[in-house]
Amino acid sequence: MDSYQIDMDGPWRLYQHAIPRDWVMLGTIRRNSDRSTGALARSAIGVFMQFNAGAAHSLDQRAVLAALQHATQAAGIHRA
């Protein structure tokens, strides 16, 4: 399983200028396997993808959910 680092406040517009139709931009994602970074997006049906200048890259959905859980827990600790 691939692992990711997610920054919910990350500057996703550096990697994807326009929001694709029916997608929600969540922040930035970094793939630990190849050290690529991009915009993290969720589709209307709940699929997570990495966007880089209009190109969509598939992600391990379970790994994204684990990284999102870690990111939101860390954000809660820092903002409390």
N, C-alpha and C. Protein backbone atom coordinates (compact mmCIF):
# COMPACT_ATOMS: atom_id res chain seq x y z
N MET A 1 0.85 -1.19 0.00
CA MET A 1 0.00 0.00 0.00
C MET A 1 0.89 1.24 0.00
N ASP A 2 0.60 2.15 -0.90
CA ASP A 2 1.32 3.41 -0.97
C ASP A 2 0.96 4.25 0.25
N SER A 3 1.82 5.20 0.61
CA SER A 3 1.48 6.09 1.71
C SER A 3 1.58 7.54 1.22
N TYR A 4 0.79 8.37 1.86
CA TYR A 4 0.66 9.76 1.44
C TYR A 4 0.73 10.69 2.64
N GLN A 5 1.12 11.93 2.36
CA GLN A 5 1.04 13.01 3.34
C GLN A 5 0.08 14.04 2.77
N ILE A 6 -0.90 14.40 3.57
CA ILE A 6 -1.94 15.34 3.12
C ILE A 6 -1.87 16.61 3.96
N ASP A 7 -1.93 17.74 3.27
CA ASP A 7 -2.00 19.04 3.92
C ASP A 7 -3.34 19.66 3.54
N MET A 8 -4.27 19.65 4.49
CA MET A 8 -5.61 20.16 4.21
C MET A 8 -5.61 21.66 3.91
N ASP A 9 -4.57 22.37 4.34
CA ASP A 9 -4.44 23.80 4.05
C ASP A 9 -3.45 24.06 2.92
N GLY A 10 -3.01 22.99 2.26
CA GLY A 10 -2.00 23.11 1.22
C GLY A 10 -2.47 23.93 0.02
N PRO A 11 -1.53 24.58 -0.64
CA PRO A 11 -1.85 25.45 -1.78
C PRO A 11 -2.13 24.66 -3.05
N TRP A 12 -3.29 24.07 -3.12
CA TRP A 12 -3.61 23.19 -4.24
C TRP A 12 -3.60 23.91 -5.58
N ARG A 13 -3.84 25.22 -5.59
CA ARG A 13 -3.86 25.97 -6.86
C ARG A 13 -2.48 26.05 -7.51
N LEU A 14 -1.43 25.74 -6.78
CA LEU A 14 -0.11 25.66 -7.40
C LEU A 14 -0.04 24.49 -8.38
N TYR A 15 -0.88 23.48 -8.17
CA TYR A 15 -0.84 22.26 -8.96
C TYR A 15 -2.02 22.11 -9.92
N GLN A 16 -3.13 22.79 -9.61
CA GLN A 16 -4.34 22.68 -10.43
C GLN A 16 -5.08 24.01 -10.35
N HIS A 17 -5.10 24.75 -11.45
CA HIS A 17 -5.68 26.09 -11.41
C HIS A 17 -7.21 26.09 -11.37
N ALA A 18 -7.83 25.24 -12.17
CA ALA A 18 -9.29 25.21 -12.23
C ALA A 18 -9.82 23.98 -11.50
N ILE A 19 -10.99 24.13 -10.92
CA ILE A 19 -11.63 23.00 -10.24
C ILE A 19 -12.42 22.23 -11.28
N PRO A 20 -12.07 20.96 -11.49
CA PRO A 20 -12.84 20.16 -12.45
C PRO A 20 -14.30 20.03 -11.99
N ARG A 21 -15.20 19.95 -12.96
CA ARG A 21 -16.63 19.88 -12.66
C ARG A 21 -16.92 18.66 -11.77
N ASP A 22 -17.74 18.88 -10.75
CA ASP A 22 -18.18 17.85 -9.80
C ASP A 22 -17.06 17.32 -8.91
N TRP A 23 -15.99 18.07 -8.74
CA TRP A 23 -14.90 17.70 -7.85
C TRP A 23 -14.77 18.75 -6.76
N VAL A 24 -14.28 18.33 -5.60
CA VAL A 24 -14.01 19.23 -4.47
C VAL A 24 -12.52 19.15 -4.19
N MET A 25 -11.87 20.30 -4.15
CA MET A 25 -10.45 20.34 -3.86
C MET A 25 -10.27 20.34 -2.33
N LEU A 26 -9.41 19.46 -1.84
CA LEU A 26 -9.25 19.27 -0.40
C LEU A 26 -7.94 19.82 0.16
N GLY A 27 -6.97 20.05 -0.66
CA GLY A 27 -5.65 20.49 -0.21
C GLY A 27 -4.60 19.89 -1.12
N THR A 28 -3.43 19.57 -0.54
CA THR A 28 -2.37 18.95 -1.33
C THR A 28 -2.06 17.56 -0.81
N ILE A 29 -1.51 16.75 -1.70
CA ILE A 29 -1.13 15.39 -1.35
C ILE A 29 0.27 15.14 -1.87
N ARG A 30 1.07 14.45 -1.06
CA ARG A 30 2.43 14.07 -1.46
C ARG A 30 2.53 12.56 -1.42
N ARG A 31 2.94 11.97 -2.54
CA ARG A 31 3.15 10.53 -2.62
C ARG A 31 4.54 10.22 -2.07
N ASN A 32 4.63 9.35 -1.09
CA ASN A 32 5.92 9.00 -0.55
C ASN A 32 6.72 8.10 -1.49
N SER A 33 6.04 7.37 -2.37
CA SER A 33 6.74 6.45 -3.28
C SER A 33 7.60 7.17 -4.31
N ASP A 34 7.08 8.24 -4.90
CA ASP A 34 7.85 8.95 -5.92
C ASP A 34 8.07 10.43 -5.59
N ARG A 35 7.65 10.83 -4.40
CA ARG A 35 7.82 12.19 -3.90
C ARG A 35 7.13 13.25 -4.77
N SER A 36 6.11 12.85 -5.51
CA SER A 36 5.35 13.84 -6.28
C SER A 36 4.32 14.51 -5.37
N THR A 37 4.01 15.74 -5.68
CA THR A 37 3.01 16.51 -4.94
C THR A 37 2.01 17.05 -5.93
N GLY A 38 0.75 17.11 -5.50
CA GLY A 38 -0.29 17.65 -6.36
C GLY A 38 -1.49 18.07 -5.54
N ALA A 39 -2.53 18.46 -6.24
CA ALA A 39 -3.78 18.86 -5.60
C ALA A 39 -4.60 17.60 -5.31
N LEU A 40 -5.12 17.50 -4.10
CA LEU A 40 -5.98 16.39 -3.73
C LEU A 40 -7.42 16.79 -3.96
N ALA A 41 -8.15 15.93 -4.69
CA ALA A 41 -9.54 16.22 -5.00
C ALA A 41 -10.40 14.99 -4.73
N ARG A 42 -11.69 15.26 -4.42
CA ARG A 42 -12.67 14.18 -4.22
C ARG A 42 -13.81 14.40 -5.21
N SER A 43 -14.19 13.33 -5.89
CA SER A 43 -15.29 13.42 -6.86
C SER A 43 -16.63 13.39 -6.15
N ALA A 44 -17.67 13.62 -6.91
CA ALA A 44 -19.03 13.60 -6.36
C ALA A 44 -19.40 12.22 -5.81
N ILE A 45 -18.77 11.16 -6.33
CA ILE A 45 -19.08 9.81 -5.83
C ILE A 45 -18.07 9.34 -4.79
N GLY A 46 -17.14 10.23 -4.37
CA GLY A 46 -16.23 9.92 -3.29
C GLY A 46 -14.89 9.33 -3.68
N VAL A 47 -14.51 9.42 -4.95
CA VAL A 47 -13.21 8.92 -5.39
C VAL A 47 -12.17 10.03 -5.23
N PHE A 48 -11.02 9.67 -4.67
CA PHE A 48 -9.92 10.63 -4.48
C PHE A 48 -8.93 10.51 -5.63
N MET A 49 -8.44 11.66 -6.12
CA MET A 49 -7.47 11.70 -7.21
C MET A 49 -6.46 12.81 -6.92
N GLN A 50 -5.29 12.66 -7.51
CA GLN A 50 -4.28 13.71 -7.47
C GLN A 50 -4.30 14.41 -8.83
N PHE A 51 -4.40 15.75 -8.82
CA PHE A 51 -4.39 16.53 -10.05
C PHE A 51 -3.11 17.34 -10.14
N ASN A 52 -2.53 17.33 -11.33
CA ASN A 52 -1.37 18.15 -11.65
C ASN A 52 -1.57 18.75 -13.03
N ALA A 53 -1.85 20.04 -13.09
CA ALA A 53 -2.03 20.77 -14.35
C ALA A 53 -3.01 20.06 -15.29
N GLY A 54 -4.12 19.61 -14.75
CA GLY A 54 -5.16 18.99 -15.56
C GLY A 54 -5.03 17.48 -15.71
N ALA A 55 -3.89 16.92 -15.36
CA ALA A 55 -3.72 15.47 -15.43
C ALA A 55 -4.16 14.85 -14.11
N ALA A 56 -4.98 13.82 -14.20
CA ALA A 56 -5.48 13.13 -13.01
C ALA A 56 -4.68 11.85 -12.78
N HIS A 57 -4.27 11.64 -11.54
CA HIS A 57 -3.48 10.47 -11.18
C HIS A 57 -4.27 9.66 -10.14
N SER A 58 -4.37 8.37 -10.37
CA SER A 58 -5.11 7.52 -9.43
C SER A 58 -4.35 7.37 -8.12
N LEU A 59 -5.09 7.14 -7.07
CA LEU A 59 -4.53 7.00 -5.73
C LEU A 59 -5.11 5.74 -5.08
N ASP A 60 -4.36 5.18 -4.15
CA ASP A 60 -4.85 4.07 -3.34
C ASP A 60 -5.88 4.66 -2.37
N GLN A 61 -7.14 4.33 -2.56
CA GLN A 61 -8.23 4.96 -1.81
C GLN A 61 -8.12 4.70 -0.31
N ARG A 62 -7.73 3.48 0.08
CA ARG A 62 -7.57 3.17 1.51
C ARG A 62 -6.44 3.99 2.13
N ALA A 63 -5.36 4.16 1.39
CA ALA A 63 -4.23 4.95 1.90
C ALA A 63 -4.61 6.42 2.03
N VAL A 64 -5.41 6.93 1.09
CA VAL A 64 -5.86 8.32 1.17
C VAL A 64 -6.73 8.51 2.42
N LEU A 65 -7.65 7.59 2.66
CA LEU A 65 -8.50 7.69 3.85
C LEU A 65 -7.68 7.67 5.13
N ALA A 66 -6.66 6.83 5.19
CA ALA A 66 -5.78 6.78 6.37
C ALA A 66 -5.02 8.09 6.53
N ALA A 67 -4.51 8.63 5.42
CA ALA A 67 -3.77 9.89 5.48
C ALA A 67 -4.69 11.06 5.85
N LEU A 68 -5.93 11.04 5.34
CA LEU A 68 -6.91 12.08 5.71
C LEU A 68 -7.23 12.03 7.19
N GLN A 69 -7.38 10.83 7.72
CA GLN A 69 -7.66 10.69 9.15
C GLN A 69 -6.49 11.25 9.96
N HIS A 70 -5.29 10.93 9.55
CA HIS A 70 -4.10 11.45 10.25
C HIS A 70 -4.03 12.97 10.14
N ALA A 71 -4.30 13.51 8.94
CA ALA A 71 -4.25 14.96 8.73
C ALA A 71 -5.28 15.70 9.56
N THR A 72 -6.50 15.16 9.65
CA THR A 72 -7.53 15.86 10.42
C THR A 72 -7.28 15.73 11.92
N GLN A 73 -6.72 14.62 12.36
CA GLN A 73 -6.38 14.48 13.78
C GLN A 73 -5.27 15.46 14.14
N ALA A 74 -4.25 15.56 13.28
CA ALA A 74 -3.15 16.49 13.54
C ALA A 74 -3.63 17.93 13.53
N ALA A 75 -4.53 18.26 12.62
CA ALA A 75 -5.06 19.62 12.56
C ALA A 75 -5.86 19.93 13.81
N GLY A 76 -6.61 18.97 14.31
CA GLY A 76 -7.39 19.16 15.53
C GLY A 76 -6.52 19.39 16.75
N ILE A 77 -5.41 18.70 16.81
CA ILE A 77 -4.48 18.84 17.93
C ILE A 77 -3.84 20.23 17.89
N HIS A 78 -3.44 20.70 16.72
CA HIS A 78 -2.76 21.99 16.60
C HIS A 78 -3.71 23.16 16.77
N ARG A 79 -4.97 22.97 16.47
CA ARG A 79 -5.92 24.09 16.53
C ARG A 79 -6.69 24.15 17.83
N ALA A 80 -6.52 23.19 18.69
CA ALA A 80 -7.27 23.16 19.94
C ALA A 80 -6.80 24.22 20.91
